[in-house]
C-alpha atoms as a PDB file:
ATOM      1  CA  MET A   1      99.853-234.987-135.669  1.00  0.00           C
ATOM      2  CA  ALA A   2      96.652-235.218-137.685  1.00  0.00           C
ATOM      3  CA  LEU A   3      94.377-238.207-137.946  1.00  0.00           C
ATOM      4  CA  THR A   4      93.128-238.792-141.490  1.00  0.00           C
ATOM      5  CA  HIS A   5      90.815-240.975-143.508  1.00  0.00           C
ATOM      6  CA  PRO A   6      92.223-244.521-143.864  1.00  0.00           C
ATOM      7  CA  ALA A   7      92.381-244.153-147.669  1.00  0.00           C
ATOM      8  CA  TYR A   8      94.545-241.031-147.382  1.00  0.00           C
ATOM      9  CA  GLU A   9      96.651-242.684-144.721  1.00  0.00           C
ATOM     10  CA  TRP A  10      97.303-245.566-147.119  1.00  0.00           C
ATOM     11  CA  LEU A  11      98.024-243.284-150.109  1.00  0.00           C
ATOM     12  CA  SER A  12     100.479-241.198-148.096  1.00  0.00           C
ATOM     13  CA  TRP A  13     102.221-244.230-146.537  1.00  0.00           C
ATOM     14  CA  GLY A  14     101.197-243.069-143.071  1.00  0.00           C
ATOM     15  CA  MET A  15     102.760-239.605-143.290  1.00  0.00           C
ATOM     16  CA  ASN A  16     100.250-238.404-140.717  1.00  0.00           C
ATOM     17  CA  TYR A  17     102.336-240.440-138.239  1.00  0.00           C
ATOM     18  CA  HIS A  18     105.525-238.569-139.122  1.00  0.00           C
ATOM     19  CA  ALA A  19     105.841-237.076-135.627  1.00  0.00           C
ATOM     20  CA  VAL A  20     105.806-240.601-134.200  1.00  0.00           C
ATOM     21  CA  HIS A  21     108.588-241.494-136.641  1.00  0.00           C
ATOM     22  CA  HIS A  22     110.708-238.666-135.226  1.00  0.00           C
ATOM     23  CA  MET A  23     109.978-239.764-131.665  1.00  0.00           C
ATOM     24  CA  HIS A  24     110.844-243.393-132.469  1.00  0.00           C
ATOM     25  CA  PRO A  25     113.003-243.441-135.637  1.00  0.00           C
ATOM     26  CA  ARG A  26     113.675-247.185-135.517  1.00  0.00           C
ATOM     27  CA  VAL A  27     109.996-248.067-135.947  1.00  0.00           C
ATOM     28  CA  PRO A  28     109.331-249.138-139.574  1.00  0.00           C
ATOM     29  CA  PHE A  29     106.671-247.131-141.425  1.00  0.00           C
ATOM     30  CA  HIS A  30     104.190-250.009-141.481  1.00  0.00           C
ATOM     31  CA  GLN A  31     104.225-250.100-137.648  1.00  0.00           C
ATOM     32  CA  LEU A  32     103.772-246.348-137.079  1.00  0.00           C
ATOM     33  CA  ARG A  33     100.045-246.610-136.389  1.00  0.00           C
ATOM     34  CA  ARG A  34     100.677-249.165-133.645  1.00  0.00           C
ATOM     35  CA  ALA A  35     103.461-246.969-132.224  1.00  0.00           C
ATOM     36  CA  PHE A  36     101.088-243.977-132.314  1.00  0.00           C
ATOM     37  CA  ASP A  37      98.443-245.904-130.389  1.00  0.00           C
ATOM     38  CA  ALA A  38     101.040-246.853-127.764  1.00  0.00           C
ATOM     39  CA  THR A  39     102.513-243.347-127.387  1.00  0.00           C
ATOM     40  CA  ARG A  40      99.569-241.041-128.114  1.00  0.00           C
ATOM     41  CA  ARG A  41      99.636-239.540-124.613  1.00  0.00           C
ATOM     42  CA  GLU A  42     103.203-238.315-125.211  1.00  0.00           C
ATOM     43  CA  LEU A  43     102.127-236.078-128.111  1.00  0.00           C
ATOM     44  CA  ARG A  44     101.293-232.477-127.293  1.00  0.00           C
ATOM     45  CA  HIS A  45      98.566-232.123-129.916  1.00  0.00           C
ATOM     46  CA  VAL A  46      96.581-234.596-131.981  1.00  0.00           C
ATOM     47  CA  GLU A  47      94.167-233.075-134.502  1.00  0.00           C
ATOM     48  CA  GLU A  48      91.305-235.537-134.824  1.00  0.00           C
ATOM     49  CA  ARG A  49      89.602-233.642-137.674  1.00  0.00           C
ATOM     50  CA  GLY A  50      92.300-234.047-140.370  1.00  0.00           C
ATOM     51  CA  TYR A  51      94.922-231.961-142.136  1.00  0.00           C
ATOM     52  CA  LEU A  52      92.686-229.120-143.337  1.00  0.00           C
ATOM     53  CA  ARG A  53      91.466-228.368-139.809  1.00  0.00           C
ATOM     54  CA  ALA A  54      95.011-228.742-138.445  1.00  0.00           C
ATOM     55  CA  HIS A  55      96.399-226.236-140.950  1.00  0.00           C
ATOM     56  CA  THR A  56      93.479-223.869-140.391  1.00  0.00           C
ATOM     57  CA  ALA A  57      94.149-223.907-136.651  1.00  0.00           C
ATOM     58  CA  VAL A  58      97.850-223.190-137.208  1.00  0.00           C
ATOM     59  CA  VAL A  59      97.171-220.262-139.551  1.00  0.00           C
ATOM     60  CA  ARG A  60      94.522-218.798-137.260  1.00  0.00           C
ATOM     61  CA  ALA A  61      96.811-219.137-134.244  1.00  0.00           C
ATOM     62  CA  ALA A  62      99.537-217.374-136.216  1.00  0.00           C
ATOM     63  CA  LEU A  63      97.075-214.603-136.985  1.00  0.00           C
ATOM     64  CA  ASP A  64      95.902-214.642-133.345  1.00  0.00           C
ATOM     65  CA  ARG A  65      92.301-215.539-134.176  1.00  0.00           C
ATOM     66  CA  PRO A  66      90.009-218.146-132.596  1.00  0.00           C
ATOM     67  CA  ALA A  67      90.523-221.605-134.096  1.00  0.00           C
ATOM     68  CA  SER A  68      86.867-222.654-134.434  1.00  0.00           C
ATOM     69  CA  LEU A  69      85.402-223.637-137.793  1.00  0.00           C
END
């Protein structure tokens, strides 16, 4: 789960909330942000710095390197 700029969130139809969609598949896409706010504590990881930092952390973890930028 990665939080993004509101403009990107709008352009991608809220794809950054895709994990919430899988947790609660009956929630319509336009309500995913509200569902995220209600269930945020259930998620194991929320990257507050966006997709680039999230992907960098994943690659570095795969390479067994520290995830600081």
